[in-house]
Amino acid sequence: MAAVEKRTVSLPAEQSGYIDALVASGAFASASEVVRAGLRALQERDAAVERWLREEVAEAYDEWQRAPEKVLTAEDVGDALRKHHADRLKSGRAS
């Protein structure tokens, strides 16, 4: 394990109680383990958002820049959804 640094943090009673309950349940051996798990989850979420932005959003933006005529406006999407819903109502398949 990497070098450990001590930190002092202030938490609302609800969050402090949640940590205590996790430790009391045996899910974690200490409050420090709970906090480390929470930080790992935040790091994983941030990495996932970064990957999504880099791999999907940037790619979609680049495609939009290359072929703006392919882009649907919010109005286009709304019109298509309304038409789809109306067609389903007419066919009796709406639920």
PDB file of N, CA and C in Angstrom:
ATOM      1  N   MET A   1       0.847  -1.187   0.000  1.00  0.00           N
ATOM      2  CA  MET A   1       0.000   0.000   0.000  1.00  0.00           C
ATOM      3  C   MET A   1       0.884   1.239   0.000  1.00  0.00           C
ATOM      4  N   ALA A   2       0.452   2.264  -0.663  1.00  0.00           N
ATOM      5  CA  ALA A   2       1.199   3.511  -0.745  1.00  0.00           C
ATOM      6  C   ALA A   2       1.285   4.149   0.638  1.00  0.00           C
ATOM      7  N   ALA A   3       2.152   5.119   0.753  1.00  0.00           N
ATOM      8  CA  ALA A   3       2.286   5.845   2.015  1.00  0.00           C
ATOM      9  C   ALA A   3       0.940   6.435   2.404  1.00  0.00           C
ATOM     10  N   VAL A   4       0.674   6.428   3.675  1.00  0.00           N
ATOM     11  CA  VAL A   4      -0.612   6.907   4.180  1.00  0.00           C
ATOM     12  C   VAL A   4      -0.433   8.297   4.773  1.00  0.00           C
ATOM     13  N   GLU A   5      -1.319   9.184   4.401  1.00  0.00           N
ATOM     14  CA  GLU A   5      -1.341  10.527   4.974  1.00  0.00           C
ATOM     15  C   GLU A   5      -2.607  10.682   5.778  1.00  0.00           C
ATOM     16  N   LYS A   6      -2.480  11.219   6.963  1.00  0.00           N
ATOM     17  CA  LYS A   6      -3.663  11.453   7.788  1.00  0.00           C
ATOM     18  C   LYS A   6      -4.327  12.749   7.374  1.00  0.00           C
ATOM     19  N   ARG A   7      -5.642  12.730   7.371  1.00  0.00           N
ATOM     20  CA  ARG A   7      -6.460  13.903   7.038  1.00  0.00           C
ATOM     21  C   ARG A   7      -7.548  14.030   8.085  1.00  0.00           C
ATOM     22  N   THR A   8      -7.956  15.232   8.317  1.00  0.00           N
ATOM     23  CA  THR A   8      -9.098  15.472   9.186  1.00  0.00           C
ATOM     24  C   THR A   8     -10.188  16.079   8.319  1.00  0.00           C
ATOM     25  N   VAL A   9     -11.380  15.501   8.376  1.00  0.00           N
ATOM     26  CA  VAL A   9     -12.493  16.014   7.577  1.00  0.00           C
ATOM     27  C   VAL A   9     -13.694  16.245   8.479  1.00  0.00           C
ATOM     28  N   SER A  10     -14.543  17.139   8.045  1.00  0.00           N
ATOM     29  CA  SER A  10     -15.793  17.401   8.758  1.00  0.00           C
ATOM     30  C   SER A  10     -16.935  16.909   7.881  1.00  0.00           C
ATOM     31  N   LEU A  11     -17.857  16.169   8.494  1.00  0.00           N
ATOM     32  CA  LEU A  11     -18.987  15.605   7.754  1.00  0.00           C
ATOM     33  C   LEU A  11     -20.287  15.943   8.459  1.00  0.00           C
ATOM     34  N   PRO A  12     -21.362  16.067   7.690  1.00  0.00           N
ATOM     35  CA  PRO A  12     -22.679  16.202   8.315  1.00  0.00           C
ATOM     36  C   PRO A  12     -22.989  14.915   9.096  1.00  0.00           C
ATOM     37  N   ALA A  13     -23.830  15.019  10.077  1.00  0.00           N
ATOM     38  CA  ALA A  13     -24.174  13.884  10.930  1.00  0.00           C
ATOM     39  C   ALA A  13     -24.698  12.707  10.110  1.00  0.00           C
ATOM     40  N   GLU A  14     -25.471  12.978   9.064  1.00  0.00           N
ATOM     41  CA  GLU A  14     -26.033  11.903   8.241  1.00  0.00           C
ATOM     42  C   GLU A  14     -24.933  11.083   7.565  1.00  0.00           C
ATOM     43  N   GLN A  15     -23.936  11.768   6.997  1.00  0.00           N
ATOM     44  CA  GLN A  15     -22.845  11.052   6.340  1.00  0.00           C
ATOM     45  C   GLN A  15     -21.968  10.325   7.354  1.00  0.00           C
ATOM     46  N   SER A  16     -21.724  10.953   8.476  1.00  0.00           N
ATOM     47  CA  SER A  16     -20.940  10.303   9.535  1.00  0.00           C
ATOM     48  C   SER A  16     -21.657   9.050  10.034  1.00  0.00           C
ATOM     49  N   GLY A  17     -22.954   9.148  10.214  1.00  0.00           N
ATOM     50  CA  GLY A  17     -23.748   8.004  10.646  1.00  0.00           C
ATOM     51  C   GLY A  17     -23.740   6.885   9.623  1.00  0.00           C
ATOM     52  N   TYR A  18     -23.739   7.257   8.357  1.00  0.00           N
ATOM     53  CA  TYR A  18     -23.699   6.258   7.287  1.00  0.00           C
ATOM     54  C   TYR A  18     -22.383   5.486   7.336  1.00  0.00           C
ATOM     55  N   ILE A  19     -21.296   6.198   7.514  1.00  0.00           N
ATOM     56  CA  ILE A  19     -19.986   5.544   7.637  1.00  0.00           C
ATOM     57  C   ILE A  19     -19.993   4.594   8.822  1.00  0.00           C
ATOM     58  N   ASP A  20     -20.476   5.076   9.958  1.00  0.00           N
ATOM     59  CA  ASP A  20     -20.523   4.238  11.164  1.00  0.00           C
ATOM     60  C   ASP A  20     -21.364   2.982  10.930  1.00  0.00           C
ATOM     61  N   ALA A  21     -22.482   3.136  10.223  1.00  0.00           N
ATOM     62  CA  ALA A  21     -23.355   1.986   9.961  1.00  0.00           C
ATOM     63  C   ALA A  21     -22.664   0.970   9.043  1.00  0.00           C
ATOM     64  N   LEU A  22     -21.926   1.446   8.063  1.00  0.00           N
ATOM     65  CA  LEU A  22     -21.197   0.537   7.171  1.00  0.00           C
ATOM     66  C   LEU A  22     -20.133  -0.245   7.940  1.00  0.00           C
ATOM     67  N   VAL A  23     -19.451   0.431   8.850  1.00  0.00           N
ATOM     68  CA  VAL A  23     -18.440  -0.241   9.656  1.00  0.00           C
ATOM     69  C   VAL A  23     -19.107  -1.227  10.607  1.00  0.00           C
ATOM     70  N   ALA A  24     -20.195  -0.794  11.246  1.00  0.00           N
ATOM     71  CA  ALA A  24     -20.900  -1.663  12.200  1.00  0.00           C
ATOM     72  C   ALA A  24     -21.468  -2.911  11.519  1.00  0.00           C
ATOM     73  N   SER A  25     -21.834  -2.780  10.255  1.00  0.00           N
ATOM     74  CA  SER A  25     -22.402  -3.923   9.537  1.00  0.00           C
ATOM     75  C   SER A  25     -21.339  -4.947   9.147  1.00  0.00           C
ATOM     76  N   GLY A  26     -20.103  -4.552   9.242  1.00  0.00           N
ATOM     77  CA  GLY A  26     -19.016  -5.437   8.844  1.00  0.00           C
ATOM     78  C   GLY A  26     -18.627  -5.293   7.388  1.00  0.00           C
ATOM     79  N   ALA A  27     -19.293  -4.424   6.655  1.00  0.00           N
ATOM     80  CA  ALA A  27     -18.968  -4.224   5.242  1.00  0.00           C
ATOM     81  C   ALA A  27     -17.575  -3.614   5.081  1.00  0.00           C
ATOM     82  N   PHE A  28     -17.163  -2.842   6.050  1.00  0.00           N
ATOM     83  CA  PHE A  28     -15.837  -2.218   6.052  1.00  0.00           C
ATOM     84  C   PHE A  28     -15.247  -2.353   7.445  1.00  0.00           C
ATOM     85  N   ALA A  29     -13.934  -2.434   7.518  1.00  0.00           N
ATOM     86  CA  ALA A  29     -13.270  -2.597   8.815  1.00  0.00           C
ATOM     87  C   ALA A  29     -13.094  -1.272   9.549  1.00  0.00           C
ATOM     88  N   SER A  30     -13.097  -0.170   8.808  1.00  0.00           N
ATOM     89  CA  SER A  30     -12.874   1.126   9.456  1.00  0.00           C
ATOM     90  C   SER A  30     -13.496   2.243   8.632  1.00  0.00           C
ATOM     91  N   ALA A  31     -13.608   3.405   9.269  1.00  0.00           N
ATOM     92  CA  ALA A  31     -14.109   4.584   8.558  1.00  0.00           C
ATOM     93  C   ALA A  31     -13.170   4.945   7.417  1.00  0.00           C
ATOM     94  N   SER A  32     -11.876   4.753   7.615  1.00  0.00           N
ATOM     95  CA  SER A  32     -10.907   5.054   6.557  1.00  0.00           C
ATOM     96  C   SER A  32     -11.154   4.201   5.323  1.00  0.00           C
ATOM     97  N   GLU A  33     -11.497   2.935   5.514  1.00  0.00           N
ATOM     98  CA  GLU A  33     -11.790   2.073   4.372  1.00  0.00           C
ATOM     99  C   GLU A  33     -13.019   2.564   3.612  1.00  0.00           C
ATOM    100  N   VAL A  34     -14.018   3.033   4.342  1.00  0.00           N
ATOM    101  CA  VAL A  34     -15.229   3.561   3.695  1.00  0.00           C
ATOM    102  C   VAL A  34     -14.861   4.768   2.836  1.00  0.00           C
ATOM    103  N   VAL A  35     -14.086   5.672   3.395  1.00  0.00           N
ATOM    104  CA  VAL A  35     -13.701   6.880   2.668  1.00  0.00           C
ATOM    105  C   VAL A  35     -12.851   6.527   1.447  1.00  0.00           C
ATOM    106  N   ARG A  36     -11.916   5.598   1.606  1.00  0.00           N
ATOM    107  CA  ARG A  36     -11.092   5.184   0.465  1.00  0.00           C
ATOM    108  C   ARG A  36     -11.957   4.577  -0.640  1.00  0.00           C
ATOM    109  N   ALA A  37     -12.931   3.756  -0.258  1.00  0.00           N
ATOM    110  CA  ALA A  37     -13.824   3.155  -1.266  1.00  0.00           C
ATOM    111  C   ALA A  37     -14.623   4.242  -1.982  1.00  0.00           C
ATOM    112  N   GLY A  38     -15.074   5.233  -1.225  1.00  0.00           N
ATOM    113  CA  GLY A  38     -15.814   6.338  -1.843  1.00  0.00           C
ATOM    114  C   GLY A  38     -14.955   7.127  -2.813  1.00  0.00           C
ATOM    115  N   LEU A  39     -13.712   7.364  -2.438  1.00  0.00           N
ATOM    116  CA  LEU A  39     -12.809   8.091  -3.328  1.00  0.00           C
ATOM    117  C   LEU A  39     -12.480   7.284  -4.578  1.00  0.00           C
ATOM    118  N   ARG A  40     -12.307   5.969  -4.417  1.00  0.00           N
ATOM    119  CA  ARG A  40     -12.069   5.118  -5.592  1.00  0.00           C
ATOM    120  C   ARG A  40     -13.267   5.184  -6.539  1.00  0.00           C
ATOM    121  N   ALA A  41     -14.473   5.162  -5.971  1.00  0.00           N
ATOM    122  CA  ALA A  41     -15.684   5.241  -6.810  1.00  0.00           C
ATOM    123  C   ALA A  41     -15.735   6.574  -7.560  1.00  0.00           C
ATOM    124  N   LEU A  42     -15.360   7.663  -6.897  1.00  0.00           N
ATOM    125  CA  LEU A  42     -15.330   8.964  -7.568  1.00  0.00           C
ATOM    126  C   LEU A  42     -14.289   8.985  -8.678  1.00  0.00           C
ATOM    127  N   GLN A  43     -13.124   8.397  -8.418  1.00  0.00           N
ATOM    128  CA  GLN A  43     -12.082   8.339  -9.441  1.00  0.00           C
ATOM    129  C   GLN A  43     -12.551   7.529 -10.646  1.00  0.00           C
ATOM    130  N   GLU A  44     -13.207   6.408 -10.396  1.00  0.00           N
ATOM    131  CA  GLU A  44     -13.722   5.575 -11.491  1.00  0.00           C
ATOM    132  C   GLU A  44     -14.779   6.326 -12.287  1.00  0.00           C
ATOM    133  N   ARG A  45     -15.663   7.040 -11.582  1.00  0.00           N
ATOM    134  CA  ARG A  45     -16.697   7.821 -12.281  1.00  0.00           C
ATOM    135  C   ARG A  45     -16.065   8.910 -13.133  1.00  0.00           C
ATOM    136  N   ASP A  46     -15.089   9.623 -12.569  1.00  0.00           N
ATOM    137  CA  ASP A  46     -14.425  10.684 -13.324  1.00  0.00           C
ATOM    138  C   ASP A  46     -13.715  10.124 -14.550  1.00  0.00           C
ATOM    139  N   ALA A  47     -13.068   8.972 -14.401  1.00  0.00           N
ATOM    140  CA  ALA A  47     -12.386   8.342 -15.534  1.00  0.00           C
ATOM    141  C   ALA A  47     -13.404   7.925 -16.602  1.00  0.00           C
ATOM    142  N   ALA A  48     -14.562   7.408 -16.173  1.00  0.00           N
ATOM    143  CA  ALA A  48     -15.604   7.003 -17.118  1.00  0.00           C
ATOM    144  C   ALA A  48     -16.148   8.212 -17.872  1.00  0.00           C
ATOM    145  N   VAL A  49     -16.350   9.319 -17.185  1.00  0.00           N
ATOM    146  CA  VAL A  49     -16.840  10.539 -17.843  1.00  0.00           C
ATOM    147  C   VAL A  49     -15.799  11.038 -18.836  1.00  0.00           C
ATOM    148  N   GLU A  50     -14.533  11.013 -18.434  1.00  0.00           N
ATOM    149  CA  GLU A  50     -13.457  11.453 -19.321  1.00  0.00           C
ATOM    150  C   GLU A  50     -13.400  10.584 -20.578  1.00  0.00           C
ATOM    151  N   ARG A  51     -13.516   9.253 -20.409  1.00  0.00           N
ATOM    152  CA  ARG A  51     -13.520   8.345 -21.566  1.00  0.00           C
ATOM    153  C   ARG A  51     -14.699   8.639 -22.484  1.00  0.00           C
ATOM    154  N   TRP A  52     -15.886   8.841 -21.881  1.00  0.00           N
ATOM    155  CA  TRP A  52     -17.088   9.133 -22.663  1.00  0.00           C
ATOM    156  C   TRP A  52     -16.905  10.420 -23.463  1.00  0.00           C
ATOM    157  N   LEU A  53     -16.371  11.448 -22.813  1.00  0.00           N
ATOM    158  CA  LEU A  53     -16.158  12.713 -23.515  1.00  0.00           C
ATOM    159  C   LEU A  53     -15.168  12.551 -24.662  1.00  0.00           C
ATOM    160  N   ARG A  54     -14.084  11.851 -24.408  1.00  0.00           N
ATOM    161  CA  ARG A  54     -13.031  11.678 -25.404  1.00  0.00           C
ATOM    162  C   ARG A  54     -13.477  10.774 -26.547  1.00  0.00           C
ATOM    163  N   GLU A  55     -14.136   9.653 -26.216  1.00  0.00           N
ATOM    164  CA  GLU A  55     -14.438   8.643 -27.218  1.00  0.00           C
ATOM    165  C   GLU A  55     -15.771   8.845 -27.934  1.00  0.00           C
ATOM    166  N   GLU A  56     -16.751   9.399 -27.249  1.00  0.00           N
ATOM    167  CA  GLU A  56     -18.064   9.521 -27.880  1.00  0.00           C
ATOM    168  C   GLU A  56     -18.448  10.963 -28.197  1.00  0.00           C
ATOM    169  N   VAL A  57     -18.322  11.834 -27.218  1.00  0.00           N
ATOM    170  CA  VAL A  57     -18.750  13.214 -27.448  1.00  0.00           C
ATOM    171  C   VAL A  57     -17.839  13.893 -28.459  1.00  0.00           C
ATOM    172  N   ALA A  58     -16.533  13.761 -28.275  1.00  0.00           N
ATOM    173  CA  ALA A  58     -15.604  14.394 -29.215  1.00  0.00           C
ATOM    174  C   ALA A  58     -15.794  13.827 -30.619  1.00  0.00           C
ATOM    175  N   GLU A  59     -16.014  12.517 -30.710  1.00  0.00           N
ATOM    176  CA  GLU A  59     -16.237  11.890 -32.010  1.00  0.00           C
ATOM    177  C   GLU A  59     -17.510  12.416 -32.663  1.00  0.00           C
ATOM    178  N   ALA A  60     -18.563  12.555 -31.882  1.00  0.00           N
ATOM    179  CA  ALA A  60     -19.824  13.083 -32.424  1.00  0.00           C
ATOM    180  C   ALA A  60     -19.655  14.536 -32.865  1.00  0.00           C
ATOM    181  N   TYR A  61     -18.915  15.310 -32.082  1.00  0.00           N
ATOM    182  CA  TYR A  61     -18.665  16.702 -32.442  1.00  0.00           C
ATOM    183  C   TYR A  61     -17.874  16.780 -33.741  1.00  0.00           C
ATOM    184  N   ASP A  62     -16.838  15.944 -33.849  1.00  0.00           N
ATOM    185  CA  ASP A  62     -16.033  15.934 -35.077  1.00  0.00           C
ATOM    186  C   ASP A  62     -16.885  15.557 -36.286  1.00  0.00           C
ATOM    187  N   GLU A  63     -17.765  14.584 -36.112  1.00  0.00           N
ATOM    188  CA  GLU A  63     -18.658  14.175 -37.209  1.00  0.00           C
ATOM    189  C   GLU A  63     -19.584  15.320 -37.588  1.00  0.00           C
ATOM    190  N   TRP A  64     -20.085  16.032 -36.589  1.00  0.00           N
ATOM    191  CA  TRP A  64     -20.954  17.178 -36.845  1.00  0.00           C
ATOM    192  C   TRP A  64     -20.204  18.244 -37.638  1.00  0.00           C
ATOM    193  N   GLN A  65     -18.945  18.460 -37.286  1.00  0.00           N
ATOM    194  CA  GLN A  65     -18.152  19.448 -38.003  1.00  0.00           C
ATOM    195  C   GLN A  65     -17.911  19.018 -39.461  1.00  0.00           C
ATOM    196  N   ARG A  66     -17.708  17.702 -39.680  1.00  0.00           N
ATOM    197  CA  ARG A  66     -17.472  17.195 -41.031  1.00  0.00           C
ATOM    198  C   ARG A  66     -18.734  17.222 -41.888  1.00  0.00           C
ATOM    199  N   ALA A  67     -19.889  16.945 -41.286  1.00  0.00           N
ATOM    200  CA  ALA A  67     -21.135  16.829 -42.058  1.00  0.00           C
ATOM    201  C   ALA A  67     -22.303  17.450 -41.298  1.00  0.00           C
ATOM    202  N   PRO A  68     -22.329  18.766 -41.188  1.00  0.00           N
ATOM    203  CA  PRO A  68     -23.396  19.417 -40.410  1.00  0.00           C
ATOM    204  C   PRO A  68     -24.791  19.153 -40.962  1.00  0.00           C
ATOM    205  N   GLU A  69     -24.880  18.780 -42.251  1.00  0.00           N
ATOM    206  CA  GLU A  69     -26.200  18.515 -42.832  1.00  0.00           C
ATOM    207  C   GLU A  69     -26.841  17.254 -42.258  1.00  0.00           C
ATOM    208  N   LYS A  70     -26.060  16.404 -41.620  1.00  0.00           N
ATOM    209  CA  LYS A  70     -26.593  15.172 -41.026  1.00  0.00           C
ATOM    210  C   LYS A  70     -27.176  15.392 -39.639  1.00  0.00           C
ATOM    211  N   VAL A  71     -26.909  16.542 -39.063  1.00  0.00           N
ATOM    212  CA  VAL A  71     -27.323  16.804 -37.688  1.00  0.00           C
ATOM    213  C   VAL A  71     -28.815  17.109 -37.628  1.00  0.00           C
ATOM    214  N   LEU A  72     -29.493  16.487 -36.673  1.00  0.00           N
ATOM    215  CA  LEU A  72     -30.907  16.772 -36.442  1.00  0.00           C
ATOM    216  C   LEU A  72     -31.026  17.839 -35.369  1.00  0.00           C
ATOM    217  N   THR A  73     -31.910  18.776 -35.593  1.00  0.00           N
ATOM    218  CA  THR A  73     -32.162  19.790 -34.576  1.00  0.00           C
ATOM    219  C   THR A  73     -33.113  19.201 -33.530  1.00  0.00           C
ATOM    220  N   ALA A  74     -33.216  19.873 -32.403  1.00  0.00           N
ATOM    221  CA  ALA A  74     -34.156  19.438 -31.372  1.00  0.00           C
ATOM    222  C   ALA A  74     -35.579  19.449 -31.940  1.00  0.00           C
ATOM    223  N   GLU A  75     -35.865  20.409 -32.790  1.00  0.00           N
ATOM    224  CA  GLU A  75     -37.191  20.482 -33.424  1.00  0.00           C
ATOM    225  C   GLU A  75     -37.427  19.270 -34.323  1.00  0.00           C
ATOM    226  N   ASP A  76     -36.411  18.870 -35.083  1.00  0.00           N
ATOM    227  CA  ASP A  76     -36.524  17.682 -35.946  1.00  0.00           C
ATOM    228  C   ASP A  76     -36.823  16.437 -35.111  1.00  0.00           C
ATOM    229  N   VAL A  77     -36.097  16.279 -34.012  1.00  0.00           N
ATOM    230  CA  VAL A  77     -36.292  15.112 -33.148  1.00  0.00           C
ATOM    231  C   VAL A  77     -37.690  15.133 -32.544  1.00  0.00           C
ATOM    232  N   GLY A  78     -38.113  16.301 -32.064  1.00  0.00           N
ATOM    233  CA  GLY A  78     -39.458  16.420 -31.499  1.00  0.00           C
ATOM    234  C   GLY A  78     -40.531  16.083 -32.520  1.00  0.00           C
ATOM    235  N   ASP A  79     -40.381  16.591 -33.734  1.00  0.00           N
ATOM    236  CA  ASP A  79     -41.347  16.294 -34.800  1.00  0.00           C
ATOM    237  C   ASP A  79     -41.402  14.791 -35.084  1.00  0.00           C
ATOM    238  N   ALA A  80     -40.231  14.154 -35.150  1.00  0.00           N
ATOM    239  CA  ALA A  80     -40.186  12.715 -35.424  1.00  0.00           C
ATOM    240  C   ALA A  80     -40.837  11.921 -34.300  1.00  0.00           C
ATOM    241  N   LEU A  81     -40.593  12.313 -33.068  1.00  0.00           N
ATOM    242  CA  LEU A  81     -41.207  11.618 -31.929  1.00  0.00           C
ATOM    243  C   LEU A  81     -42.720  11.788 -31.927  1.00  0.00           C
ATOM    244  N   ARG A  82     -43.192  13.010 -32.204  1.00  0.00           N
ATOM    245  CA  ARG A  82     -44.637  13.245 -32.250  1.00  0.00           C
ATOM    246  C   ARG A  82     -45.279  12.417 -33.355  1.00  0.00           C
ATOM    247  N   LYS A  83     -44.631  12.350 -34.523  1.00  0.00           N
ATOM    248  CA  LYS A  83     -45.165  11.556 -35.627  1.00  0.00           C
ATOM    249  C   LYS A  83     -45.182  10.074 -35.254  1.00  0.00           C
ATOM    250  N   HIS A  84     -44.114   9.587 -34.667  1.00  0.00           N
ATOM    251  CA  HIS A  84     -44.038   8.188 -34.262  1.00  0.00           C
ATOM    252  C   HIS A  84     -45.148   7.868 -33.258  1.00  0.00           C
ATOM    253  N   HIS A  85     -45.336   8.744 -32.278  1.00  0.00           N
ATOM    254  CA  HIS A  85     -46.378   8.531 -31.275  1.00  0.00           C
ATOM    255  C   HIS A  85     -47.765   8.549 -31.919  1.00  0.00           C
ATOM    256  N   ALA A  86     -48.000   9.502 -32.810  1.00  0.00           N
ATOM    257  CA  ALA A  86     -49.302   9.578 -33.491  1.00  0.00           C
ATOM    258  C   ALA A  86     -49.547   8.315 -34.318  1.00  0.00           C
ATOM    259  N   ASP A  87     -48.520   7.824 -35.001  1.00  0.00           N
ATOM    260  CA  ASP A  87     -48.665   6.588 -35.788  1.00  0.00           C
ATOM    261  C   ASP A  87     -48.995   5.405 -34.892  1.00  0.00           C
ATOM    262  N   ARG A  88     -48.370   5.320 -33.746  1.00  0.00           N
ATOM    263  CA  ARG A  88     -48.643   4.226 -32.807  1.00  0.00           C
ATOM    264  C   ARG A  88     -50.074   4.314 -32.274  1.00  0.00           C
ATOM    265  N   LEU A  89     -50.540   5.531 -32.005  1.00  0.00           N
ATOM    266  CA  LEU A  89     -51.909   5.698 -31.535  1.00  0.00           C
ATOM    267  C   LEU A  89     -52.903   5.249 -32.612  1.00  0.00           C
ATOM    268  N   LYS A  90     -52.639   5.606 -33.853  1.00  0.00           N
ATOM    269  CA  LYS A  90     -53.529   5.218 -34.950  1.00  0.00           C
ATOM    270  C   LYS A  90     -53.559   3.699 -35.122  1.00  0.00           C
ATOM    271  N   SER A  91     -52.432   3.049 -34.936  1.00  0.00           N
ATOM    272  CA  SER A  91     -52.377   1.606 -35.154  1.00  0.00           C
ATOM    273  C   SER A  91     -52.842   0.830 -33.917  1.00  0.00           C
ATOM    274  N   GLY A  92     -53.092   1.528 -32.808  1.00  0.00           N
ATOM    275  CA  GLY A  92     -53.551   0.863 -31.594  1.00  0.00           C
ATOM    276  C   GLY A  92     -52.438   0.190 -30.815  1.00  0.00           C
ATOM    277  N   ARG A  93     -51.182   0.504 -31.123  1.00  0.00           N
ATOM    278  CA  ARG A  93     -50.052  -0.112 -30.436  1.00  0.00           C
ATOM    279  C   ARG A  93     -49.489   0.749 -29.313  1.00  0.00           C
ATOM    280  N   ALA A  94     -50.075   1.892 -29.060  1.00  0.00           N
ATOM    281  CA  ALA A  94     -49.549   2.758 -27.994  1.00  0.00           C
ATOM    282  C   ALA A  94     -49.895   2.175 -26.633  1.00  0.00           C
ATOM    283  N   SER A  95     -48.926   2.192 -25.786  1.00  0.00           N
ATOM    284  CA  SER A  95     -49.181   1.714 -24.410  1.00  0.00           C
ATOM    285  C   SER A  95     -48.335   2.453 -23.435  1.00  0.00           C
TER     286      SER A  95
END
